[in-house]
Amino acid sequence: MNPPSTKHPDQLVAEMRKDEQQRLSGYREQALKLFPHVCGRCSREFEGKKLRELTVHHKDHNHDNNPADGRNWELLCLYCHDFEHTRGLQEDQEPDGPSERQTRPSLAHSPFAALAEKLKQPK
């Protein structure tokens, strides 16, 4: 177990966001070196300034699962990536309205999952 945190909650959040950004940039750069700059869904090609519209999608939705060979990644454009993450939500909706919807998390990864536990620790 980690020692109790003496940090202010805002500082913890800032550190967690910084760590997440470092992880994101690391595997994104790696994926861009491994794969052609083409969206895995719509097959649009990206180069130059447009390359920023190409994102890394984790096939298992676990952002911590980043094998060096990239087998858990696929490059998707912003639009296809957004669709991929909302697809499950749309499929769960029943025609009878919100009361008939299944309730389950849409993603397996939560970047701030450990935040609640860190905030509970005595100062």
C-alpha atoms as a PDB file:
ATOM      1  CA  MET A   1       0.000   0.000   0.000  1.00  0.00           C
ATOM      2  CA  ASN A   2       1.204   3.513  -0.769  1.00  0.00           C
ATOM      3  CA  PRO A   3       2.124   5.834   2.103  1.00  0.00           C
ATOM      4  CA  PRO A   4      -0.503   8.447   2.979  1.00  0.00           C
ATOM      5  CA  SER A   5      -0.488  11.427   0.665  1.00  0.00           C
ATOM      6  CA  THR A   6       0.261  14.869   2.035  1.00  0.00           C
ATOM      7  CA  LYS A   7      -0.545  16.563  -1.245  1.00  0.00           C
ATOM      8  CA  HIS A   8      -3.447  18.874  -1.900  1.00  0.00           C
ATOM      9  CA  PRO A   9      -6.218  17.279  -4.038  1.00  0.00           C
ATOM     10  CA  ASP A  10      -5.646  19.810  -6.832  1.00  0.00           C
ATOM     11  CA  GLN A  11      -1.962  18.868  -6.888  1.00  0.00           C
ATOM     12  CA  LEU A  12      -2.846  15.152  -7.068  1.00  0.00           C
ATOM     13  CA  VAL A  13      -5.191  15.767  -9.998  1.00  0.00           C
ATOM     14  CA  ALA A  14      -2.571  17.853 -11.805  1.00  0.00           C
ATOM     15  CA  GLU A  15       0.054  15.124 -11.329  1.00  0.00           C
ATOM     16  CA  MET A  16      -2.320  12.412 -12.540  1.00  0.00           C
ATOM     17  CA  ARG A  17      -3.172  14.463 -15.643  1.00  0.00           C
ATOM     18  CA  LYS A  18       0.512  15.050 -16.350  1.00  0.00           C
ATOM     19  CA  ASP A  19       1.248  11.318 -15.980  1.00  0.00           C
ATOM     20  CA  GLU A  20      -1.623  10.490 -18.320  1.00  0.00           C
ATOM     21  CA  GLN A  21      -0.370  12.966 -20.941  1.00  0.00           C
ATOM     22  CA  GLN A  22       3.106  11.425 -20.763  1.00  0.00           C
ATOM     23  CA  ARG A  23       1.648   7.936 -21.287  1.00  0.00           C
ATOM     24  CA  LEU A  24      -0.495   9.176 -24.149  1.00  0.00           C
ATOM     25  CA  SER A  25       2.353  10.873 -25.959  1.00  0.00           C
ATOM     26  CA  GLY A  26       4.652   7.895 -25.470  1.00  0.00           C
ATOM     27  CA  TYR A  27       2.472   5.220 -27.007  1.00  0.00           C
ATOM     28  CA  ARG A  28       1.068   7.561 -29.660  1.00  0.00           C
ATOM     29  CA  GLU A  29       4.552   8.336 -30.959  1.00  0.00           C
ATOM     30  CA  GLN A  30       5.368   4.650 -30.888  1.00  0.00           C
ATOM     31  CA  ALA A  31       2.162   3.725 -32.757  1.00  0.00           C
ATOM     32  CA  LEU A  32       2.823   6.366 -35.409  1.00  0.00           C
ATOM     33  CA  LYS A  33       6.229   4.770 -36.033  1.00  0.00           C
ATOM     34  CA  LEU A  34       4.796   1.238 -36.213  1.00  0.00           C
ATOM     35  CA  PHE A  35       1.721   1.729 -38.383  1.00  0.00           C
ATOM     36  CA  PRO A  36       0.928   3.481 -41.656  1.00  0.00           C
ATOM     37  CA  HIS A  37      -0.796   6.822 -41.120  1.00  0.00           C
ATOM     38  CA  VAL A  38      -4.195   5.517 -42.198  1.00  0.00           C
ATOM     39  CA  CYS A  39      -7.422   5.253 -40.192  1.00  0.00           C
ATOM     40  CA  GLY A  40      -8.166   1.606 -39.454  1.00  0.00           C
ATOM     41  CA  ARG A  41     -11.911   2.127 -40.046  1.00  0.00           C
ATOM     42  CA  CYS A  42     -12.478   4.640 -42.838  1.00  0.00           C
ATOM     43  CA  SER A  43      -9.052   4.219 -44.519  1.00  0.00           C
ATOM     44  CA  ARG A  44      -8.417   7.970 -44.718  1.00  0.00           C
ATOM     45  CA  GLU A  45      -4.724   8.822 -45.033  1.00  0.00           C
ATOM     46  CA  PHE A  46      -3.085  11.454 -42.820  1.00  0.00           C
ATOM     47  CA  GLU A  47       0.073  13.512 -43.240  1.00  0.00           C
ATOM     48  CA  GLY A  48       1.472  16.885 -42.220  1.00  0.00           C
ATOM     49  CA  LYS A  49      -0.774  18.985 -39.970  1.00  0.00           C
ATOM     50  CA  LYS A  50      -3.648  16.532 -40.447  1.00  0.00           C
ATOM     51  CA  LEU A  51      -1.649  13.848 -38.617  1.00  0.00           C
ATOM     52  CA  ARG A  52      -2.878  15.283 -35.317  1.00  0.00           C
ATOM     53  CA  GLU A  53      -6.364  13.992 -36.245  1.00  0.00           C
ATOM     54  CA  LEU A  54      -5.103  10.407 -36.079  1.00  0.00           C
ATOM     55  CA  THR A  55      -5.497   8.855 -32.630  1.00  0.00           C
ATOM     56  CA  VAL A  56      -4.491   5.604 -30.959  1.00  0.00           C
ATOM     57  CA  HIS A  57      -7.376   3.337 -30.010  1.00  0.00           C
ATOM     58  CA  HIS A  58      -6.798   0.590 -27.440  1.00  0.00           C
ATOM     59  CA  LYS A  59      -8.591  -2.486 -28.728  1.00  0.00           C
ATOM     60  CA  ASP A  60      -9.240  -3.768 -25.193  1.00  0.00           C
ATOM     61  CA  HIS A  61     -10.055  -0.236 -23.890  1.00  0.00           C
ATOM     62  CA  ASN A  62      -7.248  -0.536 -21.314  1.00  0.00           C
ATOM     63  CA  HIS A  63      -4.941   2.463 -21.659  1.00  0.00           C
ATOM     64  CA  ASP A  64      -2.350   0.790 -19.448  1.00  0.00           C
ATOM     65  CA  ASN A  65      -2.030  -2.192 -21.812  1.00  0.00           C
ATOM     66  CA  ASN A  66       0.675  -0.906 -24.155  1.00  0.00           C
ATOM     67  CA  PRO A  67       2.813  -3.755 -25.507  1.00  0.00           C
ATOM     68  CA  ALA A  68       5.812  -2.518 -27.471  1.00  0.00           C
ATOM     69  CA  ASP A  69       4.715  -4.369 -30.615  1.00  0.00           C
ATOM     70  CA  GLY A  70       1.440  -2.392 -30.703  1.00  0.00           C
ATOM     71  CA  ARG A  71      -0.873  -5.410 -30.810  1.00  0.00           C
ATOM     72  CA  ASN A  72      -3.413  -3.622 -28.571  1.00  0.00           C
ATOM     73  CA  TRP A  73      -3.459  -0.457 -30.690  1.00  0.00           C
ATOM     74  CA  GLU A  74      -5.032   0.700 -33.887  1.00  0.00           C
ATOM     75  CA  LEU A  75      -4.855   4.124 -35.460  1.00  0.00           C
ATOM     76  CA  LEU A  76      -8.264   5.753 -35.892  1.00  0.00           C
ATOM     77  CA  CYS A  77      -9.234   9.232 -37.027  1.00  0.00           C
ATOM     78  CA  LEU A  78     -10.984  11.426 -34.465  1.00  0.00           C
ATOM     79  CA  TYR A  79     -14.403  10.655 -35.920  1.00  0.00           C
ATOM     80  CA  CYS A  80     -14.008   6.878 -36.072  1.00  0.00           C
ATOM     81  CA  HIS A  81     -12.443   6.843 -32.587  1.00  0.00           C
ATOM     82  CA  ASP A  82     -15.366   8.795 -31.178  1.00  0.00           C
ATOM     83  CA  PHE A  83     -17.806   6.443 -32.902  1.00  0.00           C
ATOM     84  CA  GLU A  84     -15.958   3.412 -31.518  1.00  0.00           C
ATOM     85  CA  HIS A  85     -16.386   4.668 -27.955  1.00  0.00           C
ATOM     86  CA  THR A  86     -20.042   5.663 -28.347  1.00  0.00           C
ATOM     87  CA  ARG A  87     -21.026   2.543 -30.300  1.00  0.00           C
ATOM     88  CA  GLY A  88     -21.615   0.465 -27.168  1.00  0.00           C
ATOM     89  CA  LEU A  89     -23.740   3.181 -25.629  1.00  0.00           C
ATOM     90  CA  GLN A  90     -25.959   3.397 -28.696  1.00  0.00           C
ATOM     91  CA  GLU A  91     -26.399  -0.380 -28.885  1.00  0.00           C
ATOM     92  CA  ASP A  92     -27.452  -0.540 -25.227  1.00  0.00           C
ATOM     93  CA  GLN A  93     -30.313   1.913 -25.670  1.00  0.00           C
ATOM     94  CA  GLU A  94     -33.728   0.332 -25.901  1.00  0.00           C
ATOM     95  CA  PRO A  95     -36.497   1.903 -27.997  1.00  0.00           C
ATOM     96  CA  ASP A  96     -38.687   2.196 -24.865  1.00  0.00           C
ATOM     97  CA  GLY A  97     -36.581   5.027 -23.434  1.00  0.00           C
ATOM     98  CA  PRO A  98     -34.030   5.654 -20.696  1.00  0.00           C
ATOM     99  CA  SER A  99     -35.711   3.450 -18.071  1.00  0.00           C
ATOM    100  CA  GLU A 100     -35.178   0.384 -20.268  1.00  0.00           C
ATOM    101  CA  ARG A 101     -31.448   1.004 -20.885  1.00  0.00           C
ATOM    102  CA  GLN A 102     -28.859  -1.341 -19.499  1.00  0.00           C
ATOM    103  CA  THR A 103     -26.547   0.348 -17.045  1.00  0.00           C
ATOM    104  CA  ARG A 104     -22.890  -0.543 -17.446  1.00  0.00           C
ATOM    105  CA  PRO A 105     -19.710   1.451 -17.912  1.00  0.00           C
ATOM    106  CA  SER A 106     -18.933   2.369 -21.503  1.00  0.00           C
ATOM    107  CA  LEU A 107     -15.156   2.115 -21.111  1.00  0.00           C
ATOM    108  CA  ALA A 108     -12.922  -0.190 -19.142  1.00  0.00           C
ATOM    109  CA  HIS A 109     -10.349   2.529 -18.442  1.00  0.00           C
ATOM    110  CA  SER A 110     -10.746   5.458 -16.097  1.00  0.00           C
ATOM    111  CA  PRO A 111      -7.681   7.715 -15.855  1.00  0.00           C
ATOM    112  CA  PHE A 112      -8.712   8.954 -12.407  1.00  0.00           C
ATOM    113  CA  ALA A 113      -9.796   5.600 -10.949  1.00  0.00           C
ATOM    114  CA  ALA A 114      -7.223   5.788  -8.157  1.00  0.00           C
ATOM    115  CA  LEU A 115      -7.993   9.404  -7.280  1.00  0.00           C
ATOM    116  CA  ALA A 116     -10.775   8.622  -4.782  1.00  0.00           C
ATOM    117  CA  GLU A 117      -8.490   6.298  -2.827  1.00  0.00           C
ATOM    118  CA  LYS A 118      -5.675   8.850  -2.800  1.00  0.00           C
ATOM    119  CA  LEU A 119      -8.014  11.543  -1.526  1.00  0.00           C
ATOM    120  CA  LYS A 120      -9.207   9.293   1.339  1.00  0.00           C
ATOM    121  CA  GLN A 121      -5.680   8.881   2.667  1.00  0.00           C
ATOM    122  CA  PRO A 122      -4.969  11.008   5.761  1.00  0.00           C
ATOM    123  CA  LYS A 123      -2.840  14.082   5.285  1.00  0.00           C
END
